[in-house]
Amino acid sequence: MSLSEKVVIPFQEEFREKMLSGQKTQTSHTKRYGYEGDTFGAFGATFQLTGVRKKPLWIVAEHYYSLEGFFSPDAFKIIWKRLHPRRGYMGMDKVWVHRFKRVEGA
């Protein structure tokens, strides 16, 4: 575990409003982008990672889709396939789940 650092996590423009409004508080990626306590900037705001864990993709899709900013598991899967066209959605793949909160006044 590292000391708190400023990290870079990529986000699609389509997630701007969901992140700024607090509807999206989690992002899953095939690689780890930081550790709990690290901060990152996105869409003019600062966010802090509150947890980073590795989980099977199907768990994220079925149980955490709303934290990812989606209204259903299928909506999550559609976007995952679009963002990962070569591999697609493979439910047993392990992904890094990054939970975060917006840091006000930062």
PDB file of N, CA and C in Angstrom:
ATOM      1  N   MET A   1       0.845  -1.168   0.000  1.00  0.00           N
ATOM      2  CA  MET A   1       0.000   0.000   0.000  1.00  0.00           C
ATOM      3  C   MET A   1       0.892   1.233   0.000  1.00  0.00           C
ATOM      4  N   SER A   2       0.586   2.172  -0.878  1.00  0.00           N
ATOM      5  CA  SER A   2       1.392   3.379  -0.972  1.00  0.00           C
ATOM      6  C   SER A   2       0.808   4.483  -0.106  1.00  0.00           C
ATOM      7  N   LEU A   3       1.597   5.523   0.086  1.00  0.00           N
ATOM      8  CA  LEU A   3       1.060   6.722   0.713  1.00  0.00           C
ATOM      9  C   LEU A   3       0.115   7.368  -0.282  1.00  0.00           C
ATOM     10  N   SER A   4      -0.771   8.210   0.200  1.00  0.00           N
ATOM     11  CA  SER A   4      -1.749   8.858  -0.665  1.00  0.00           C
ATOM     12  C   SER A   4      -1.055   9.629  -1.787  1.00  0.00           C
ATOM     13  N   GLU A   5      -1.477   9.387  -2.999  1.00  0.00           N
ATOM     14  CA  GLU A   5      -0.889  10.020  -4.175  1.00  0.00           C
ATOM     15  C   GLU A   5      -1.989  10.539  -5.086  1.00  0.00           C
ATOM     16  N   LYS A   6      -1.612  11.417  -5.997  1.00  0.00           N
ATOM     17  CA  LYS A   6      -2.518  11.861  -7.058  1.00  0.00           C
ATOM     18  C   LYS A   6      -2.301  10.897  -8.219  1.00  0.00           C
ATOM     19  N   VAL A   7      -3.376  10.238  -8.650  1.00  0.00           N
ATOM     20  CA  VAL A   7      -3.286   9.255  -9.729  1.00  0.00           C
ATOM     21  C   VAL A   7      -4.159   9.699 -10.894  1.00  0.00           C
ATOM     22  N   VAL A   8      -4.010   9.033 -12.006  1.00  0.00           N
ATOM     23  CA  VAL A   8      -4.810   9.330 -13.201  1.00  0.00           C
ATOM     24  C   VAL A   8      -5.653   8.103 -13.517  1.00  0.00           C
ATOM     25  N   ILE A   9      -6.965   8.315 -13.602  1.00  0.00           N
ATOM     26  CA  ILE A   9      -7.886   7.244 -13.981  1.00  0.00           C
ATOM     27  C   ILE A   9      -8.671   7.749 -15.186  1.00  0.00           C
ATOM     28  N   PRO A  10      -8.689   7.004 -16.280  1.00  0.00           N
ATOM     29  CA  PRO A  10      -9.415   7.462 -17.471  1.00  0.00           C
ATOM     30  C   PRO A  10     -10.926   7.267 -17.344  1.00  0.00           C
ATOM     31  N   PHE A  11     -11.675   8.268 -17.799  1.00  0.00           N
ATOM     32  CA  PHE A  11     -13.134   8.200 -17.821  1.00  0.00           C
ATOM     33  C   PHE A  11     -13.646   8.709 -19.157  1.00  0.00           C
ATOM     34  N   GLN A  12     -14.697   8.103 -19.636  1.00  0.00           N
ATOM     35  CA  GLN A  12     -15.364   8.561 -20.847  1.00  0.00           C
ATOM     36  C   GLN A  12     -16.188   9.803 -20.532  1.00  0.00           C
ATOM     37  N   GLU A  13     -16.296  10.702 -21.481  1.00  0.00           N
ATOM     38  CA  GLU A  13     -17.075  11.933 -21.306  1.00  0.00           C
ATOM     39  C   GLU A  13     -18.518  11.636 -20.902  1.00  0.00           C
ATOM     40  N   GLU A  14     -19.048  10.510 -21.341  1.00  0.00           N
ATOM     41  CA  GLU A  14     -20.435  10.168 -21.030  1.00  0.00           C
ATOM     42  C   GLU A  14     -20.687   9.986 -19.529  1.00  0.00           C
ATOM     43  N   PHE A  15     -19.624   9.856 -18.735  1.00  0.00           N
ATOM     44  CA  PHE A  15     -19.788   9.680 -17.287  1.00  0.00           C
ATOM     45  C   PHE A  15     -19.690  10.982 -16.503  1.00  0.00           C
ATOM     46  N   ARG A  16     -19.473  12.093 -17.186  1.00  0.00           N
ATOM     47  CA  ARG A  16     -19.295  13.392 -16.529  1.00  0.00           C
ATOM     48  C   ARG A  16     -20.411  13.698 -15.525  1.00  0.00           C
ATOM     49  N   GLU A  17     -21.639  13.754 -15.980  1.00  0.00           N
ATOM     50  CA  GLU A  17     -22.754  14.141 -15.104  1.00  0.00           C
ATOM     51  C   GLU A  17     -22.982  13.129 -13.988  1.00  0.00           C
ATOM     52  N   LYS A  18     -22.825  11.858 -14.308  1.00  0.00           N
ATOM     53  CA  LYS A  18     -23.028  10.821 -13.290  1.00  0.00           C
ATOM     54  C   LYS A  18     -21.997  10.932 -12.172  1.00  0.00           C
ATOM     55  N   MET A  19     -20.771  11.261 -12.529  1.00  0.00           N
ATOM     56  CA  MET A  19     -19.735  11.402 -11.500  1.00  0.00           C
ATOM     57  C   MET A  19     -19.917  12.688 -10.709  1.00  0.00           C
ATOM     58  N   LEU A  20     -20.178  13.770 -11.393  1.00  0.00           N
ATOM     59  CA  LEU A  20     -20.313  15.047 -10.703  1.00  0.00           C
ATOM     60  C   LEU A  20     -21.544  15.088  -9.798  1.00  0.00           C
ATOM     61  N   SER A  21     -22.581  14.329 -10.157  1.00  0.00           N
ATOM     62  CA  SER A  21     -23.799  14.300  -9.349  1.00  0.00           C
ATOM     63  C   SER A  21     -23.742  13.265  -8.224  1.00  0.00           C
ATOM     64  N   GLY A  22     -22.739  12.386  -8.253  1.00  0.00           N
ATOM     65  CA  GLY A  22     -22.623  11.347  -7.235  1.00  0.00           C
ATOM     66  C   GLY A  22     -23.360  10.071  -7.571  1.00  0.00           C
ATOM     67  N   GLN A  23     -23.912   9.979  -8.786  1.00  0.00           N
ATOM     68  CA  GLN A  23     -24.600   8.754  -9.206  1.00  0.00           C
ATOM     69  C   GLN A  23     -23.597   7.634  -9.499  1.00  0.00           C
ATOM     70  N   LYS A  24     -22.416   7.998  -9.989  1.00  0.00           N
ATOM     71  CA  LYS A  24     -21.357   7.020 -10.264  1.00  0.00           C
ATOM     72  C   LYS A  24     -20.283   7.171  -9.192  1.00  0.00           C
ATOM     73  N   THR A  25     -20.091   6.113  -8.385  1.00  0.00           N
ATOM     74  CA  THR A  25     -19.107   6.149  -7.306  1.00  0.00           C
ATOM     75  C   THR A  25     -18.146   4.957  -7.374  1.00  0.00           C
ATOM     76  N   GLN A  26     -18.106   4.317  -8.524  1.00  0.00           N
ATOM     77  CA  GLN A  26     -17.233   3.160  -8.710  1.00  0.00           C
ATOM     78  C   GLN A  26     -16.876   3.044 -10.174  1.00  0.00           C
ATOM     79  N   THR A  27     -15.663   2.601 -10.442  1.00  0.00           N
ATOM     80  CA  THR A  27     -15.248   2.310 -11.809  1.00  0.00           C
ATOM     81  C   THR A  27     -14.406   1.043 -11.794  1.00  0.00           C
ATOM     82  N   SER A  28     -14.618   0.207 -12.785  1.00  0.00           N
ATOM     83  CA  SER A  28     -13.889  -1.060 -12.874  1.00  0.00           C
ATOM     84  C   SER A  28     -13.018  -1.056 -14.116  1.00  0.00           C
ATOM     85  N   HIS A  29     -11.805  -1.553 -13.943  1.00  0.00           N
ATOM     86  CA  HIS A  29     -10.828  -1.567 -15.030  1.00  0.00           C
ATOM     87  C   HIS A  29     -10.047  -2.873 -14.985  1.00  0.00           C
ATOM     88  N   THR A  30      -9.403  -3.176 -16.094  1.00  0.00           N
ATOM     89  CA  THR A  30      -8.593  -4.378 -16.163  1.00  0.00           C
ATOM     90  C   THR A  30      -7.252  -4.200 -15.467  1.00  0.00           C
ATOM     91  N   LYS A  31      -6.895  -2.950 -15.130  1.00  0.00           N
ATOM     92  CA  LYS A  31      -5.669  -2.709 -14.374  1.00  0.00           C
ATOM     93  C   LYS A  31      -5.959  -1.846 -13.157  1.00  0.00           C
ATOM     94  N   ARG A  32      -5.073  -1.907 -12.214  1.00  0.00           N
ATOM     95  CA  ARG A  32      -5.206  -1.120 -10.990  1.00  0.00           C
ATOM     96  C   ARG A  32      -4.639   0.271 -11.238  1.00  0.00           C
ATOM     97  N   TYR A  33      -5.420   1.302 -10.846  1.00  0.00           N
ATOM     98  CA  TYR A  33      -4.984   2.678 -11.051  1.00  0.00           C
ATOM     99  C   TYR A  33      -4.560   3.380  -9.773  1.00  0.00           C
ATOM    100  N   GLY A  34      -4.802   2.801  -8.622  1.00  0.00           N
ATOM    101  CA  GLY A  34      -4.408   3.468  -7.390  1.00  0.00           C
ATOM    102  C   GLY A  34      -4.748   2.625  -6.186  1.00  0.00           C
ATOM    103  N   TYR A  35      -4.597   3.254  -5.030  1.00  0.00           N
ATOM    104  CA  TYR A  35      -4.835   2.610  -3.745  1.00  0.00           C
ATOM    105  C   TYR A  35      -5.808   3.459  -2.936  1.00  0.00           C
ATOM    106  N   GLU A  36      -6.431   2.845  -1.961  1.00  0.00           N
ATOM    107  CA  GLU A  36      -7.332   3.564  -1.075  1.00  0.00           C
ATOM    108  C   GLU A  36      -6.616   4.794  -0.505  1.00  0.00           C
ATOM    109  N   GLY A  37      -7.284   5.936  -0.576  1.00  0.00           N
ATOM    110  CA  GLY A  37      -6.708   7.181  -0.096  1.00  0.00           C
ATOM    111  C   GLY A  37      -6.132   8.052  -1.197  1.00  0.00           C
ATOM    112  N   ASP A  38      -5.764   7.450  -2.341  1.00  0.00           N
ATOM    113  CA  ASP A  38      -5.270   8.237  -3.468  1.00  0.00           C
ATOM    114  C   ASP A  38      -6.371   9.141  -4.002  1.00  0.00           C
ATOM    115  N   THR A  39      -5.983  10.238  -4.622  1.00  0.00           N
ATOM    116  CA  THR A  39      -6.942  11.147  -5.229  1.00  0.00           C
ATOM    117  C   THR A  39      -6.716  11.204  -6.736  1.00  0.00           C
ATOM    118  N   PHE A  40      -7.761  11.629  -7.442  1.00  0.00           N
ATOM    119  CA  PHE A  40      -7.659  11.826  -8.887  1.00  0.00           C
ATOM    120  C   PHE A  40      -8.605  12.944  -9.295  1.00  0.00           C
ATOM    121  N   GLY A  41      -8.286  13.565 -10.398  1.00  0.00           N
ATOM    122  CA  GLY A  41      -9.137  14.614 -10.942  1.00  0.00           C
ATOM    123  C   GLY A  41      -9.904  14.100 -12.135  1.00  0.00           C
ATOM    124  N   ALA A  42     -11.153  14.543 -12.255  1.00  0.00           N
ATOM    125  CA  ALA A  42     -11.970  14.190 -13.416  1.00  0.00           C
ATOM    126  C   ALA A  42     -13.052  15.243 -13.574  1.00  0.00           C
ATOM    127  N   PHE A  43     -13.190  15.772 -14.769  1.00  0.00           N
ATOM    128  CA  PHE A  43     -14.254  16.717 -15.103  1.00  0.00           C
ATOM    129  C   PHE A  43     -14.235  17.954 -14.203  1.00  0.00           C
ATOM    130  N   GLY A  44     -13.033  18.403 -13.836  1.00  0.00           N
ATOM    131  CA  GLY A  44     -12.890  19.603 -13.032  1.00  0.00           C
ATOM    132  C   GLY A  44     -13.109  19.408 -11.542  1.00  0.00           C
ATOM    133  N   ALA A  45     -13.284  18.181 -11.097  1.00  0.00           N
ATOM    134  CA  ALA A  45     -13.510  17.890  -9.678  1.00  0.00           C
ATOM    135  C   ALA A  45     -12.416  16.951  -9.181  1.00  0.00           C
ATOM    136  N   THR A  46     -12.288  16.864  -7.864  1.00  0.00           N
ATOM    137  CA  THR A  46     -11.335  15.947  -7.241  1.00  0.00           C
ATOM    138  C   THR A  46     -12.105  14.838  -6.544  1.00  0.00           C
ATOM    139  N   PHE A  47     -11.615  13.624  -6.690  1.00  0.00           N
ATOM    140  CA  PHE A  47     -12.219  12.441  -6.092  1.00  0.00           C
ATOM    141  C   PHE A  47     -11.148  11.697  -5.296  1.00  0.00           C
ATOM    142  N   GLN A  48     -11.592  10.924  -4.295  1.00  0.00           N
ATOM    143  CA  GLN A  48     -10.672  10.118  -3.500  1.00  0.00           C
ATOM    144  C   GLN A  48     -11.105   8.662  -3.557  1.00  0.00           C
ATOM    145  N   LEU A  49     -10.130   7.781  -3.758  1.00  0.00           N
ATOM    146  CA  LEU A  49     -10.423   6.352  -3.753  1.00  0.00           C
ATOM    147  C   LEU A  49     -10.711   5.909  -2.320  1.00  0.00           C
ATOM    148  N   THR A  50     -11.846   5.238  -2.139  1.00  0.00           N
ATOM    149  CA  THR A  50     -12.240   4.757  -0.817  1.00  0.00           C
ATOM    150  C   THR A  50     -12.047   3.249  -0.688  1.00  0.00           C
ATOM    151  N   GLY A  51     -11.731   2.593  -1.773  1.00  0.00           N
ATOM    152  CA  GLY A  51     -11.475   1.164  -1.761  1.00  0.00           C
ATOM    153  C   GLY A  51     -11.071   0.685  -3.138  1.00  0.00           C
ATOM    154  N   VAL A  52     -10.169  -0.276  -3.179  1.00  0.00           N
ATOM    155  CA  VAL A  52      -9.735  -0.878  -4.445  1.00  0.00           C
ATOM    156  C   VAL A  52      -9.627  -2.380  -4.201  1.00  0.00           C
ATOM    157  N   ARG A  53     -10.426  -3.138  -4.937  1.00  0.00           N
ATOM    158  CA  ARG A  53     -10.461  -4.589  -4.765  1.00  0.00           C
ATOM    159  C   ARG A  53     -10.529  -5.263  -6.137  1.00  0.00           C
ATOM    160  N   LYS A  54     -10.110  -6.500  -6.192  1.00  0.00           N
ATOM    161  CA  LYS A  54     -10.216  -7.290  -7.418  1.00  0.00           C
ATOM    162  C   LYS A  54     -11.418  -8.210  -7.284  1.00  0.00           C
ATOM    163  N   LYS A  55     -12.295  -8.182  -8.296  1.00  0.00           N
ATOM    164  CA  LYS A  55     -13.512  -8.989  -8.271  1.00  0.00           C
ATOM    165  C   LYS A  55     -13.793  -9.549  -9.666  1.00  0.00           C
ATOM    166  N   PRO A  56     -14.536 -10.645  -9.732  1.00  0.00           N
ATOM    167  CA  PRO A  56     -14.970 -11.140 -11.039  1.00  0.00           C
ATOM    168  C   PRO A  56     -15.911 -10.123 -11.697  1.00  0.00           C
ATOM    169  N   LEU A  57     -15.768  -9.963 -12.985  1.00  0.00           N
ATOM    170  CA  LEU A  57     -16.567  -8.984 -13.723  1.00  0.00           C
ATOM    171  C   LEU A  57     -18.065  -9.247 -13.573  1.00  0.00           C
ATOM    172  N   TRP A  58     -18.471 -10.508 -13.511  1.00  0.00           N
ATOM    173  CA  TRP A  58     -19.905 -10.807 -13.404  1.00  0.00           C
ATOM    174  C   TRP A  58     -20.482 -10.292 -12.090  1.00  0.00           C
ATOM    175  N   ILE A  59     -19.674 -10.299 -11.029  1.00  0.00           N
ATOM    176  CA  ILE A  59     -20.130  -9.771  -9.737  1.00  0.00           C
ATOM    177  C   ILE A  59     -20.401  -8.269  -9.870  1.00  0.00           C
ATOM    178  N   VAL A  60     -19.475  -7.566 -10.537  1.00  0.00           N
ATOM    179  CA  VAL A  60     -19.655  -6.126 -10.747  1.00  0.00           C
ATOM    180  C   VAL A  60     -20.939  -5.880 -11.543  1.00  0.00           C
ATOM    181  N   ALA A  61     -21.100  -6.613 -12.636  1.00  0.00           N
ATOM    182  CA  ALA A  61     -22.263  -6.411 -13.507  1.00  0.00           C
ATOM    183  C   ALA A  61     -23.579  -6.697 -12.787  1.00  0.00           C
ATOM    184  N   GLU A  62     -23.619  -7.757 -12.021  1.00  0.00           N
ATOM    185  CA  GLU A  62     -24.877  -8.180 -11.395  1.00  0.00           C
ATOM    186  C   GLU A  62     -25.194  -7.470 -10.087  1.00  0.00           C
ATOM    187  N   HIS A  63     -24.171  -7.089  -9.326  1.00  0.00           N
ATOM    188  CA  HIS A  63     -24.414  -6.553  -7.988  1.00  0.00           C
ATOM    189  C   HIS A  63     -24.030  -5.092  -7.792  1.00  0.00           C
ATOM    190  N   TYR A  64     -23.126  -4.583  -8.625  1.00  0.00           N
ATOM    191  CA  TYR A  64     -22.620  -3.222  -8.414  1.00  0.00           C
ATOM    192  C   TYR A  64     -22.875  -2.293  -9.602  1.00  0.00           C
ATOM    193  N   TYR A  65     -23.709  -2.698 -10.535  1.00  0.00           N
ATOM    194  CA  TYR A  65     -23.963  -1.881 -11.728  1.00  0.00           C
ATOM    195  C   TYR A  65     -24.432  -0.471 -11.381  1.00  0.00           C
ATOM    196  N   SER A  66     -25.231  -0.322 -10.313  1.00  0.00           N
ATOM    197  CA  SER A  66     -25.739   1.015  -9.976  1.00  0.00           C
ATOM    198  C   SER A  66     -24.615   1.922  -9.480  1.00  0.00           C
ATOM    199  N   LEU A  67     -23.622   1.367  -8.755  1.00  0.00           N
ATOM    200  CA  LEU A  67     -22.476   2.165  -8.325  1.00  0.00           C
ATOM    201  C   LEU A  67     -21.633   2.601  -9.518  1.00  0.00           C
ATOM    202  N   GLU A  68     -21.691   1.818 -10.588  1.00  0.00           N
ATOM    203  CA  GLU A  68     -20.975   2.145 -11.819  1.00  0.00           C
ATOM    204  C   GLU A  68     -21.729   3.193 -12.645  1.00  0.00           C
ATOM    205  N   GLY A  69     -22.942   3.546 -12.198  1.00  0.00           N
ATOM    206  CA  GLY A  69     -23.721   4.572 -12.880  1.00  0.00           C
ATOM    207  C   GLY A  69     -24.716   4.035 -13.887  1.00  0.00           C
ATOM    208  N   PHE A  70     -25.076   2.745 -13.769  1.00  0.00           N
ATOM    209  CA  PHE A  70     -26.010   2.137 -14.716  1.00  0.00           C
ATOM    210  C   PHE A  70     -27.300   1.722 -14.027  1.00  0.00           C
ATOM    211  N   PHE A  71     -28.349   1.556 -14.826  1.00  0.00           N
ATOM    212  CA  PHE A  71     -29.664   1.200 -14.299  1.00  0.00           C
ATOM    213  C   PHE A  71     -29.956  -0.290 -14.352  1.00  0.00           C
ATOM    214  N   SER A  72     -29.067  -1.050 -14.974  1.00  0.00           N
ATOM    215  CA  SER A  72     -29.279  -2.496 -15.059  1.00  0.00           C
ATOM    216  C   SER A  72     -27.957  -3.196 -15.357  1.00  0.00           C
ATOM    217  N   PRO A  73     -27.876  -4.493 -15.059  1.00  0.00           N
ATOM    218  CA  PRO A  73     -26.678  -5.257 -15.428  1.00  0.00           C
ATOM    219  C   PRO A  73     -26.433  -5.238 -16.943  1.00  0.00           C
ATOM    220  N   ASP A  74     -27.506  -5.327 -17.722  1.00  0.00           N
ATOM    221  CA  ASP A  74     -27.342  -5.335 -19.181  1.00  0.00           C
ATOM    222  C   ASP A  74     -26.751  -4.034 -19.692  1.00  0.00           C
ATOM    223  N   ALA A  75     -27.170  -2.903 -19.131  1.00  0.00           N
ATOM    224  CA  ALA A  75     -26.613  -1.614 -19.545  1.00  0.00           C
ATOM    225  C   ALA A  75     -25.113  -1.564 -19.261  1.00  0.00           C
ATOM    226  N   PHE A  76     -24.694  -2.085 -18.101  1.00  0.00           N
ATOM    227  CA  PHE A  76     -23.273  -2.154 -17.777  1.00  0.00           C
ATOM    228  C   PHE A  76     -22.532  -3.017 -18.809  1.00  0.00           C
ATOM    229  N   LYS A  77     -23.087  -4.177 -19.121  1.00  0.00           N
ATOM    230  CA  LYS A  77     -22.432  -5.102 -20.050  1.00  0.00           C
ATOM    231  C   LYS A  77     -22.285  -4.499 -21.443  1.00  0.00           C
ATOM    232  N   ILE A  78     -23.294  -3.774 -21.896  1.00  0.00           N
ATOM    233  CA  ILE A  78     -23.241  -3.140 -23.221  1.00  0.00           C
ATOM    234  C   ILE A  78     -22.070  -2.168 -23.300  1.00  0.00           C
ATOM    235  N   ILE A  79     -21.928  -1.323 -22.284  1.00  0.00           N
ATOM    236  CA  ILE A  79     -20.832  -0.350 -22.282  1.00  0.00           C
ATOM    237  C   ILE A  79     -19.492  -1.058 -22.144  1.00  0.00           C
ATOM    238  N   TRP A  80     -19.416  -2.092 -21.289  1.00  0.00           N
ATOM    239  CA  TRP A  80     -18.160  -2.832 -21.126  1.00  0.00           C
ATOM    240  C   TRP A  80     -17.715  -3.403 -22.475  1.00  0.00           C
ATOM    241  N   LYS A  81     -18.641  -3.992 -23.228  1.00  0.00           N
ATOM    242  CA  LYS A  81     -18.302  -4.558 -24.534  1.00  0.00           C
ATOM    243  C   LYS A  81     -17.822  -3.485 -25.502  1.00  0.00           C
ATOM    244  N   ARG A  82     -18.454  -2.315 -25.455  1.00  0.00           N
ATOM    245  CA  ARG A  82     -18.050  -1.225 -26.342  1.00  0.00           C
ATOM    246  C   ARG A  82     -16.647  -0.724 -25.991  1.00  0.00           C
ATOM    247  N   LEU A  83     -16.332  -0.647 -24.696  1.00  0.00           N
ATOM    248  CA  LEU A  83     -15.031  -0.156 -24.263  1.00  0.00           C
ATOM    249  C   LEU A  83     -13.927  -1.210 -24.380  1.00  0.00           C
ATOM    250  N   HIS A  84     -14.309  -2.466 -24.503  1.00  0.00           N
ATOM    251  CA  HIS A  84     -13.344  -3.573 -24.606  1.00  0.00           C
ATOM    252  C   HIS A  84     -13.709  -4.453 -25.806  1.00  0.00           C
ATOM    253  N   PRO A  85     -13.602  -3.915 -27.013  1.00  0.00           N
ATOM    254  CA  PRO A  85     -14.093  -4.648 -28.197  1.00  0.00           C
ATOM    255  C   PRO A  85     -13.350  -5.944 -28.509  1.00  0.00           C
ATOM    256  N   ARG A  86     -12.081  -6.035 -28.189  1.00  0.00           N
ATOM    257  CA  ARG A  86     -11.342  -7.263 -28.510  1.00  0.00           C
ATOM    258  C   ARG A  86     -11.701  -8.409 -27.581  1.00  0.00           C
ATOM    259  N   ARG A  87     -11.779  -8.142 -26.289  1.00  0.00           N
ATOM    260  CA  ARG A  87     -12.062  -9.198 -25.310  1.00  0.00           C
ATOM    261  C   ARG A  87     -13.559  -9.341 -25.070  1.00  0.00           C
ATOM    262  N   GLY A  88     -14.280  -8.218 -25.126  1.00  0.00           N
ATOM    263  CA  GLY A  88     -15.715  -8.261 -24.864  1.00  0.00           C
ATOM    264  C   GLY A  88     -16.003  -8.447 -23.386  1.00  0.00           C
ATOM    265  N   TYR A  89     -17.182  -8.910 -23.087  1.00  0.00           N
ATOM    266  CA  TYR A  89     -17.595  -9.161 -21.709  1.00  0.00           C
ATOM    267  C   TYR A  89     -17.386 -10.633 -21.398  1.00  0.00           C
ATOM    268  N   MET A  90     -16.441 -10.910 -20.518  1.00  0.00           N
ATOM    269  CA  MET A  90     -16.175 -12.271 -20.066  1.00  0.00           C
ATOM    270  C   MET A  90     -16.364 -12.258 -18.554  1.00  0.00           C
ATOM    271  N   GLY A  91     -17.486 -12.761 -18.085  1.00  0.00           N
ATOM    272  CA  GLY A  91     -17.879 -12.647 -16.694  1.00  0.00           C
ATOM    273  C   GLY A  91     -16.886 -13.163 -15.677  1.00  0.00           C
ATOM    274  N   MET A  92     -16.090 -14.153 -16.035  1.00  0.00           N
ATOM    275  CA  MET A  92     -15.139 -14.714 -15.075  1.00  0.00           C
ATOM    276  C   MET A  92     -13.836 -13.924 -15.005  1.00  0.00           C
ATOM    277  N   ASP A  93     -13.634 -12.971 -15.927  1.00  0.00           N
ATOM    278  CA  ASP A  93     -12.435 -12.136 -15.857  1.00  0.00           C
ATOM    279  C   ASP A  93     -12.422 -11.376 -14.542  1.00  0.00           C
ATOM    280  N   LYS A  94     -11.245 -11.249 -13.944  1.00  0.00           N
ATOM    281  CA  LYS A  94     -11.096 -10.465 -12.708  1.00  0.00           C
ATOM    282  C   LYS A  94     -10.761  -9.028 -13.107  1.00  0.00           C
ATOM    283  N   VAL A  95     -11.426  -8.080 -12.462  1.00  0.00           N
ATOM    284  CA  VAL A  95     -11.193  -6.668 -12.739  1.00  0.00           C
ATOM    285  C   VAL A  95     -10.906  -5.929 -11.433  1.00  0.00           C
ATOM    286  N   TRP A  96     -10.260  -4.783 -11.562  1.00  0.00           N
ATOM    287  CA  TRP A  96      -9.984  -3.927 -10.413  1.00  0.00           C
ATOM    288  C   TRP A  96     -11.146  -2.969 -10.223  1.00  0.00           C
ATOM    289  N   VAL A  97     -11.772  -3.047  -9.079  1.00  0.00           N
ATOM    290  CA  VAL A  97     -12.928  -2.223  -8.739  1.00  0.00           C
ATOM    291  C   VAL A  97     -12.429  -1.076  -7.865  1.00  0.00           C
ATOM    292  N   HIS A  98     -12.594   0.144  -8.370  1.00  0.00           N
ATOM    293  CA  HIS A  98     -12.138   1.346  -7.672  1.00  0.00           C
ATOM    294  C   HIS A  98     -13.369   2.108  -7.180  1.00  0.00           C
ATOM    295  N   ARG A  99     -13.569   2.161  -5.871  1.00  0.00           N
ATOM    296  CA  ARG A  99     -14.663   2.963  -5.304  1.00  0.00           C
ATOM    297  C   ARG A  99     -14.117   4.332  -4.941  1.00  0.00           C
ATOM    298  N   PHE A 100     -14.954   5.346  -5.110  1.00  0.00           N
ATOM    299  CA  PHE A 100     -14.478   6.704  -4.860  1.00  0.00           C
ATOM    300  C   PHE A 100     -15.596   7.611  -4.373  1.00  0.00           C
ATOM    301  N   LYS A 101     -15.185   8.747  -3.834  1.00  0.00           N
ATOM    302  CA  LYS A 101     -16.124   9.790  -3.420  1.00  0.00           C
ATOM    303  C   LYS A 101     -15.556  11.121  -3.870  1.00  0.00           C
ATOM    304  N   ARG A 102     -16.448  12.053  -4.094  1.00  0.00           N
ATOM    305  CA  ARG A 102     -16.021  13.397  -4.493  1.00  0.00           C
ATOM    306  C   ARG A 102     -15.513  14.136  -3.264  1.00  0.00           C
ATOM    307  N   VAL A 103     -14.419  14.841  -3.434  1.00  0.00           N
ATOM    308  CA  VAL A 103     -13.835  15.634  -2.359  1.00  0.00           C
ATOM    309  C   VAL A 103     -14.262  17.079  -2.584  1.00  0.00           C
ATOM    310  N   GLU A 104     -15.130  17.572  -1.723  1.00  0.00           N
ATOM    311  CA  GLU A 104     -15.633  18.943  -1.880  1.00  0.00           C
ATOM    312  C   GLU A 104     -14.547  19.956  -1.530  1.00  0.00           C
ATOM    313  N   GLY A 105     -14.545  21.038  -2.257  1.00  0.00           N
ATOM    314  CA  GLY A 105     -13.623  22.126  -1.975  1.00  0.00           C
ATOM    315  C   GLY A 105     -12.185  21.873  -2.375  1.00  0.00           C
ATOM    316  N   ALA A 106     -11.953  20.754  -3.067  1.00  0.00           N
ATOM    317  CA  ALA A 106     -10.576  20.442  -3.471  1.00  0.00           C
ATOM    318  C   ALA A 106     -10.349  20.885  -4.904  1.00  0.00           C
TER     319      ALA A 106
END
